C-alpha atoms as a PDB file:
ATOM      1  CA  UNK A   1     -15.894  -7.507   7.377  1.00  0.00           C
ATOM      2  CA  UNK A   2     -12.832  -5.882   5.868  1.00  0.00           C
ATOM      3  CA  UNK A   3     -12.944  -4.572   2.322  1.00  0.00           C
ATOM      4  CA  UNK A   4      -9.523  -5.896   1.355  1.00  0.00           C
ATOM      5  CA  UNK A   5      -7.976  -9.275   0.611  1.00  0.00           C
ATOM      6  CA  UNK A   6      -4.575  -8.925   2.225  1.00  0.00           C
ATOM      7  CA  UNK A   7      -2.974  -6.637   4.805  1.00  0.00           C
ATOM      8  CA  UNK A   8       0.575  -5.365   5.064  1.00  0.00           C
ATOM      9  CA  UNK A   9       1.760  -3.631   8.218  1.00  0.00           C
ATOM     10  CA  UNK A  10       4.825  -1.601   7.246  1.00  0.00           C
ATOM     11  CA  UNK A  11       4.822   0.476  10.453  1.00  0.00           C
ATOM     12  CA  UNK A  12       8.292   1.566  11.519  1.00  0.00           C
ATOM     13  CA  UNK A  13       9.767   0.895   8.081  1.00  0.00           C
ATOM     14  CA  UNK A  14      11.284   3.708   6.060  1.00  0.00           C
ATOM     15  CA  UNK A  15      11.413   4.201   2.311  1.00  0.00           C
ATOM     16  CA  UNK A  16      11.800   2.119   0.207  1.00  0.00           C
ATOM     17  CA  UNK A  17      10.843  -0.824   2.444  1.00  0.00           C
ATOM     18  CA  UNK A  18       7.047  -0.239   2.526  1.00  0.00           C
ATOM     19  CA  UNK A  19       7.005  -0.167  -1.292  1.00  0.00           C
ATOM     20  CA  UNK A  20       9.203  -3.254  -1.594  1.00  0.00           C
ATOM     21  CA  UNK A  21       7.026  -5.179   0.882  1.00  0.00           C
ATOM     22  CA  UNK A  22       3.881  -4.073  -0.959  1.00  0.00           C
ATOM     23  CA  UNK A  23       5.381  -5.167  -4.271  1.00  0.00           C
ATOM     24  CA  UNK A  24       6.146  -8.597  -2.787  1.00  0.00           C
ATOM     25  CA  UNK A  25       2.642  -8.902  -1.285  1.00  0.00           C
ATOM     26  CA  UNK A  26       0.999  -7.901  -4.570  1.00  0.00           C
ATOM     27  CA  UNK A  27       3.029 -10.519  -6.430  1.00  0.00           C
ATOM     28  CA  UNK A  28       1.183 -13.231  -4.471  1.00  0.00           C
ATOM     29  CA  UNK A  29      -2.244 -11.717  -5.148  1.00  0.00           C
ATOM     30  CA  UNK A  30      -4.667 -12.014  -8.062  1.00  0.00           C
ATOM     31  CA  UNK A  31      -5.744  -9.150 -10.298  1.00  0.00           C
ATOM     32  CA  UNK A  32      -8.599  -7.167  -8.753  1.00  0.00           C
ATOM     33  CA  UNK A  33      -7.646  -8.090  -5.187  1.00  0.00           C
ATOM     34  CA  UNK A  34      -7.033  -5.275  -2.717  1.00  0.00           C
ATOM     35  CA  UNK A  35      -4.011  -4.819  -0.443  1.00  0.00           C
ATOM     36  CA  UNK A  36      -4.427  -2.736   2.725  1.00  0.00           C
ATOM     37  CA  UNK A  37      -1.151  -1.108   3.773  1.00  0.00           C
ATOM     38  CA  UNK A  38      -0.343   0.548   7.087  1.00  0.00           C
ATOM     39  CA  UNK A  39       2.775   2.730   7.179  1.00  0.00           C
ATOM     40  CA  UNK A  40       4.338   5.318   9.480  1.00  0.00           C
ATOM     41  CA  UNK A  41       6.785   6.920   7.029  1.00  0.00           C
ATOM     42  CA  UNK A  42       5.322  10.271   5.830  1.00  0.00           C
ATOM     43  CA  UNK A  43       7.214   9.791   2.565  1.00  0.00           C
ATOM     44  CA  UNK A  44       5.103   6.727   1.842  1.00  0.00           C
ATOM     45  CA  UNK A  45       2.209   8.966   0.707  1.00  0.00           C
ATOM     46  CA  UNK A  46       4.010  10.191  -2.398  1.00  0.00           C
ATOM     47  CA  UNK A  47       5.823   6.856  -2.752  1.00  0.00           C
ATOM     48  CA  UNK A  48       2.600   4.854  -3.042  1.00  0.00           C
ATOM     49  CA  UNK A  49       1.105   7.451  -5.361  1.00  0.00           C
ATOM     50  CA  UNK A  50       4.110   7.134  -7.680  1.00  0.00           C
ATOM     51  CA  UNK A  51       4.199   3.341  -7.275  1.00  0.00           C
ATOM     52  CA  UNK A  52       0.552   3.053  -8.372  1.00  0.00           C
ATOM     53  CA  UNK A  53       1.165   5.232 -11.431  1.00  0.00           C
ATOM     54  CA  UNK A  54       4.294   3.291 -12.417  1.00  0.00           C
ATOM     55  CA  UNK A  55       2.800  -0.173 -11.947  1.00  0.00           C
ATOM     56  CA  UNK A  56      -0.748   0.409 -13.174  1.00  0.00           C
ATOM     57  CA  UNK A  57      -2.193  -0.715  -9.847  1.00  0.00           C
ATOM     58  CA  UNK A  58      -5.016   1.460  -8.539  1.00  0.00           C
ATOM     59  CA  UNK A  59      -4.495   3.491  -5.365  1.00  0.00           C
ATOM     60  CA  UNK A  60      -8.095   3.412  -4.130  1.00  0.00           C
ATOM     61  CA  UNK A  61      -7.481   5.179  -0.849  1.00  0.00           C
ATOM     62  CA  UNK A  62      -4.744   7.115   0.886  1.00  0.00           C
ATOM     63  CA  UNK A  63      -5.383   8.567   4.324  1.00  0.00           C
ATOM     64  CA  UNK A  64      -3.578   9.626   7.466  1.00  0.00           C
ATOM     65  CA  UNK A  65      -4.839   9.086  10.984  1.00  0.00           C
ATOM     66  CA  UNK A  66      -2.872   9.755  14.137  1.00  0.00           C
ATOM     67  CA  UNK A  67       0.524   9.607  12.473  1.00  0.00           C
ATOM     68  CA  UNK A  68      -0.226   6.409  10.593  1.00  0.00           C
ATOM     69  CA  UNK A  69      -0.866   6.228   6.889  1.00  0.00           C
ATOM     70  CA  UNK A  70      -3.366   3.849   5.346  1.00  0.00           C
ATOM     71  CA  UNK A  71      -3.516   2.816   1.707  1.00  0.00           C
ATOM     72  CA  UNK A  72      -5.785   0.589  -0.324  1.00  0.00           C
ATOM     73  CA  UNK A  73      -4.087  -0.673  -3.450  1.00  0.00           C
ATOM     74  CA  UNK A  74      -5.980  -2.708  -6.033  1.00  0.00           C
ATOM     75  CA  UNK A  75      -3.861  -5.064  -8.101  1.00  0.00           C
ATOM     76  CA  UNK A  76      -4.135  -4.484 -11.839  1.00  0.00           C
END
């Protein structure tokens, strides 16, 4: 059982595409729902951190594993 409501695979996409895709995915979600994002752009770590601060969404998790970056973003 996954602990998120929606998943976005942004692998192979460079800034700002992972953020733009996440923004679009979040728009279709309800408050309190969680979006799981997979990205390969190292810049996405600081991008998602900044995105969460700017939008008021909660970055619940940010981790790197084998060159992939995983984020859990809870919609405000």
